[in-house]
């Protein structure tokens, strides 16, 4: 799934140019995988999994197979890429900030505060595409209806008027951030993402409280890219 996810992101990234035959083949593999599961669910209804529930919907005609596949593509992309990117940023920061890591390992109740601040400072989705639905003026700049707009969520997350010491991660309650968007198009999976991040950080530090970046390791963000994440985070595990 991760391999398929990476290929779809490359396919949808406007900066990547024309997709290669290999990328198209991987995208087709995911399409085929999902199509076969949808056929199986329709042939044997009554399951309690999400895909069975989607195929069983009959309000206003229910969802078509292409609509369900579109949703599943979104679940795969949003559910895998952003969380893994957030984890990479989290471990890179904690590996280089021993004091911060020790505070978290000593008091797991601080982990949710760390997650919110880490998402704010290093958001995996720094931009969000939108389309103006009507003529509007923003800060003196006219925006015509149907104009394509790229919202900079990353800039909003580091607004010094909203967040004092905006570039640092704090372990206290701060104003709500924009990492999950805002308004009617806010991220549907935000609660699941927070749960996953918290559980992974808790379980990891139960087992591996001490670690550091490997010597010479320099995690970098490939750019341009559809989402923001580190290429690799090489860690050295300290013996207990």
Protein backbone atom coordinates (compact mmCIF):
# COMPACT_ATOMS: atom_id res chain seq x y z
CA UNK A 1 0.00 0.00 0.00
CA UNK A 2 2.84 2.41 0.81
CA UNK A 3 4.47 1.65 -2.56
CA UNK A 4 1.19 2.26 -4.34
CA UNK A 5 0.64 5.44 -2.34
CA UNK A 6 4.03 6.82 -3.38
CA UNK A 7 3.27 6.13 -7.04
CA UNK A 8 -0.12 7.86 -6.87
CA UNK A 9 1.43 10.93 -5.23
CA UNK A 10 4.00 11.08 -8.01
CA UNK A 11 1.18 10.71 -10.54
CA UNK A 12 -0.84 13.56 -9.01
CA UNK A 13 2.09 15.91 -8.30
CA UNK A 14 1.94 18.70 -10.91
CA UNK A 15 5.69 19.27 -10.54
CA UNK A 16 6.59 15.70 -11.53
CA UNK A 17 5.80 16.05 -15.22
CA UNK A 18 4.35 13.20 -17.26
CA UNK A 19 3.97 9.96 -15.26
CA UNK A 20 6.31 7.15 -16.22
CA UNK A 21 5.00 3.76 -17.43
CA UNK A 22 6.12 2.29 -14.09
CA UNK A 23 4.06 4.83 -12.12
CA UNK A 24 1.01 4.20 -14.30
CA UNK A 25 1.39 0.44 -13.82
CA UNK A 26 1.48 0.84 -10.02
CA UNK A 27 -1.56 3.11 -10.08
CA UNK A 28 -3.37 0.45 -12.12
CA UNK A 29 -2.40 -2.19 -9.55
CA UNK A 30 -4.07 -0.19 -6.77
CA UNK A 31 -7.14 0.42 -8.95
CA UNK A 32 -7.38 -3.32 -9.67
CA UNK A 33 -6.88 -4.22 -6.00
CA UNK A 34 -9.71 -1.93 -4.91
CA UNK A 35 -12.02 -2.96 -7.76
CA UNK A 36 -11.66 -6.65 -6.86
CA UNK A 37 -12.48 -5.96 -3.21
CA UNK A 38 -15.57 -3.93 -4.17
CA UNK A 39 -16.82 -6.79 -6.37
CA UNK A 40 -16.27 -9.23 -3.51
CA UNK A 41 -18.18 -7.02 -1.04
CA UNK A 42 -21.12 -6.61 -3.42
CA UNK A 43 -21.21 -10.37 -3.97
CA UNK A 44 -21.22 -11.07 -0.22
CA UNK A 45 -22.88 -8.14 1.59
CA UNK A 46 -23.38 -7.75 5.31
CA UNK A 47 -19.82 -7.19 6.50
CA UNK A 48 -19.08 -4.57 9.15
CA UNK A 49 -15.93 -3.17 7.52
CA UNK A 50 -15.91 0.27 5.92
CA UNK A 51 -15.88 -1.01 2.34
CA UNK A 52 -18.91 -3.23 3.01
CA UNK A 53 -20.75 -0.27 4.48
CA UNK A 54 -19.94 1.89 1.46
CA UNK A 55 -21.20 -0.74 -0.98
CA UNK A 56 -24.37 -1.20 1.09
CA UNK A 57 -25.37 2.48 0.98
CA UNK A 58 -28.68 2.92 -0.85
CA UNK A 59 -29.72 6.46 0.10
CA UNK A 60 -30.49 8.37 -3.11
CA UNK A 61 -29.17 5.45 -5.13
CA UNK A 62 -26.02 4.89 -3.06
CA UNK A 63 -22.46 5.23 -4.31
CA UNK A 64 -21.24 3.99 -7.68
CA UNK A 65 -18.14 1.83 -7.89
CA UNK A 66 -16.05 4.70 -9.34
CA UNK A 67 -17.16 6.92 -6.44
CA UNK A 68 -16.17 4.26 -3.89
CA UNK A 69 -12.81 3.77 -5.60
CA UNK A 70 -12.27 7.54 -5.47
CA UNK A 71 -12.94 7.52 -1.73
CA UNK A 72 -10.59 4.57 -1.22
CA UNK A 73 -7.83 6.33 -3.16
CA UNK A 74 -8.28 9.29 -0.83
CA UNK A 75 -8.17 7.05 2.25
CA UNK A 76 -4.95 5.41 1.05
CA UNK A 77 -3.25 8.71 0.24
CA UNK A 78 -4.42 10.72 3.24
CA UNK A 79 -4.18 7.85 5.69
CA UNK A 80 -0.65 6.76 4.89
CA UNK A 81 1.42 9.64 3.54
CA UNK A 82 0.60 12.38 6.03
CA UNK A 83 0.89 10.25 9.17
CA UNK A 84 4.20 8.69 8.12
CA UNK A 85 5.52 12.16 7.24
CA UNK A 86 4.44 13.52 10.64
CA UNK A 87 6.18 10.61 12.36
CA UNK A 88 9.38 11.28 10.43
CA UNK A 89 9.40 14.92 11.52
CA UNK A 90 8.59 13.89 15.10
CA UNK A 91 11.42 11.37 15.44
CA UNK A 92 13.90 13.71 13.75
CA UNK A 93 13.09 16.43 16.27
CA UNK A 94 13.08 14.16 19.31
CA UNK A 95 16.33 12.51 18.23
CA UNK A 96 18.09 15.87 18.28
CA UNK A 97 16.39 17.40 21.33
CA UNK A 98 17.19 15.22 24.33
CA UNK A 99 15.56 17.59 26.82
CA UNK A 100 12.28 17.59 24.92
CA UNK A 101 12.35 13.81 24.53
CA UNK A 102 13.06 13.30 28.24
CA UNK A 103 10.08 15.47 29.16
CA UNK A 104 7.81 13.32 26.99
CA UNK A 105 9.15 10.00 28.27
CA UNK A 106 8.72 11.22 31.85
CA UNK A 107 5.14 12.39 31.29
CA UNK A 108 3.09 10.85 28.47
CA UNK A 109 0.29 13.36 29.11
CA UNK A 110 2.50 15.87 27.25
CA UNK A 111 2.50 13.81 24.04
CA UNK A 112 -0.80 15.24 22.71
CA UNK A 113 0.59 18.77 23.18
CA UNK A 114 3.77 17.75 21.37
CA UNK A 115 1.74 16.29 18.49
CA UNK A 116 -0.28 19.48 18.02
CA UNK A 117 2.82 21.67 18.06
CA UNK A 118 4.81 19.32 15.83
CA UNK A 119 1.99 19.33 13.28
CA UNK A 120 1.87 23.11 13.43
CA UNK A 121 5.61 23.66 12.97
CA UNK A 122 6.24 20.92 10.38
CA UNK A 123 2.91 20.31 8.69
CA UNK A 124 2.91 17.50 6.11
CA UNK A 125 0.38 19.50 4.05
CA UNK A 126 1.66 23.09 3.87
CA UNK A 127 -0.61 24.07 0.97
CA UNK A 128 -4.25 23.40 0.09
CA UNK A 129 -5.77 24.05 -3.37
CA UNK A 130 -9.13 25.79 -3.47
CA UNK A 131 -11.36 27.52 -6.03
CA UNK A 132 -13.06 30.86 -5.34
CA UNK A 133 -16.83 30.41 -5.47
CA UNK A 134 -17.52 34.15 -5.82
CA UNK A 135 -15.75 37.44 -6.42
CA UNK A 136 -13.98 38.50 -3.23
CA UNK A 137 -11.32 40.90 -2.01
CA UNK A 138 -8.69 39.69 0.49
CA UNK A 139 -6.34 42.21 2.10
CA UNK A 140 -6.93 44.59 -0.79
CA UNK A 141 -6.32 41.95 -3.47
CA UNK A 142 -9.29 41.16 -5.76
CA UNK A 143 -9.94 37.46 -6.40
CA UNK A 144 -12.33 36.63 -9.22
CA UNK A 145 -14.86 33.82 -9.08
CA UNK A 146 -13.52 30.44 -10.33
CA UNK A 147 -9.91 31.48 -9.65
CA UNK A 148 -7.61 28.66 -8.58
CA UNK A 149 -6.14 29.49 -5.17
CA UNK A 150 -3.30 27.89 -3.21
CA UNK A 151 -3.75 28.46 0.51
CA UNK A 152 -0.53 28.48 2.54
CA UNK A 153 -1.48 26.59 5.67
CA UNK A 154 2.19 26.45 6.63
CA UNK A 155 2.44 30.25 6.75
CA UNK A 156 -0.73 30.46 8.83
CA UNK A 157 0.75 27.92 11.25
CA UNK A 158 3.81 30.11 11.84
CA UNK A 159 2.05 33.46 12.05
CA UNK A 160 3.93 35.27 14.87
CA UNK A 161 0.84 37.32 15.70
CA UNK A 162 -1.03 34.10 16.45
CA UNK A 163 1.80 31.98 17.87
CA UNK A 164 4.54 33.67 19.94
CA UNK A 165 7.91 32.01 19.29
CA UNK A 166 6.25 30.45 16.26
CA UNK A 167 9.17 28.31 15.05
CA UNK A 168 9.59 26.38 18.32
CA UNK A 169 7.63 23.39 19.63
CA UNK A 170 5.93 24.13 22.96
CA UNK A 171 4.40 21.64 25.37
CA UNK A 172 1.47 23.73 26.48
CA UNK A 173 -1.93 24.57 25.05
CA UNK A 174 -1.70 26.89 22.05
CA UNK A 175 -4.26 28.42 19.65
CA UNK A 176 -5.73 25.91 17.14
CA UNK A 177 -3.46 25.31 14.13
CA UNK A 178 -4.21 24.83 10.44
CA UNK A 179 -2.42 21.51 9.83
CA UNK A 180 -5.78 19.80 9.27
CA UNK A 181 -7.26 22.75 7.39
CA UNK A 182 -10.17 24.77 8.68
CA UNK A 183 -13.87 25.14 7.94
CA UNK A 184 -16.16 22.74 6.02
CA UNK A 185 -13.22 21.08 4.21
CA UNK A 186 -11.30 20.26 7.39
CA UNK A 187 -9.47 16.91 7.34
CA UNK A 188 -11.91 14.05 7.90
CA UNK A 189 -9.18 11.84 9.38
CA UNK A 190 -7.76 14.30 11.92
CA UNK A 191 -8.97 12.32 14.96
CA UNK A 192 -7.59 9.05 13.58
CA UNK A 193 -4.26 10.74 12.76
CA UNK A 194 -3.95 12.09 16.30
CA UNK A 195 -4.76 8.66 17.74
CA UNK A 196 -2.19 6.93 15.52
CA UNK A 197 0.53 9.46 16.32
CA UNK A 198 -0.11 9.28 20.07
CA UNK A 199 -0.14 5.48 20.22
CA UNK A 200 2.99 5.12 18.10
CA UNK A 201 4.92 7.66 20.17
CA UNK A 202 3.80 6.02 23.42
CA UNK A 203 4.59 2.48 22.31
CA UNK A 204 7.93 3.47 20.76
CA UNK A 205 9.13 5.25 23.89
CA UNK A 206 7.96 2.38 26.10
CA UNK A 207 10.47 0.25 24.26
CA UNK A 208 13.06 2.74 22.96
CA UNK A 209 13.37 5.80 25.20
CA UNK A 210 16.92 6.61 24.07
CA UNK A 211 18.00 7.28 20.50
CA UNK A 212 19.81 9.84 18.37
CA UNK A 213 20.38 10.69 14.73
CA UNK A 214 23.04 8.52 13.15
CA UNK A 215 26.38 10.23 12.64
CA UNK A 216 26.35 12.21 9.43
CA UNK A 217 22.58 11.80 8.96
CA UNK A 218 20.94 14.90 7.51
CA UNK A 219 17.20 14.34 7.01
CA UNK A 220 16.02 16.53 4.15
CA UNK A 221 12.67 17.39 2.59
CA UNK A 222 12.44 16.50 -1.12
CA UNK A 223 10.95 19.48 -2.89
CA UNK A 224 8.82 20.11 -4.85
CA UNK A 225 6.52 17.33 -3.69
CA UNK A 226 2.80 16.80 -3.20
CA UNK A 227 3.26 16.61 0.58
CA UNK A 228 6.11 17.47 2.91
CA UNK A 229 8.12 14.71 4.53
CA UNK A 230 11.72 13.72 5.21
CA UNK A 231 13.55 11.41 2.83
CA UNK A 232 14.88 9.29 5.71
CA UNK A 233 15.53 9.50 9.46
CA UNK A 234 18.50 7.29 10.33
CA UNK A 235 18.55 6.59 14.08
CA UNK A 236 21.01 5.04 16.47
CA UNK A 237 19.25 3.15 19.27
CA UNK A 238 20.81 3.50 22.72
CA UNK A 239 21.10 0.29 24.73
CA UNK A 240 19.01 0.16 27.88
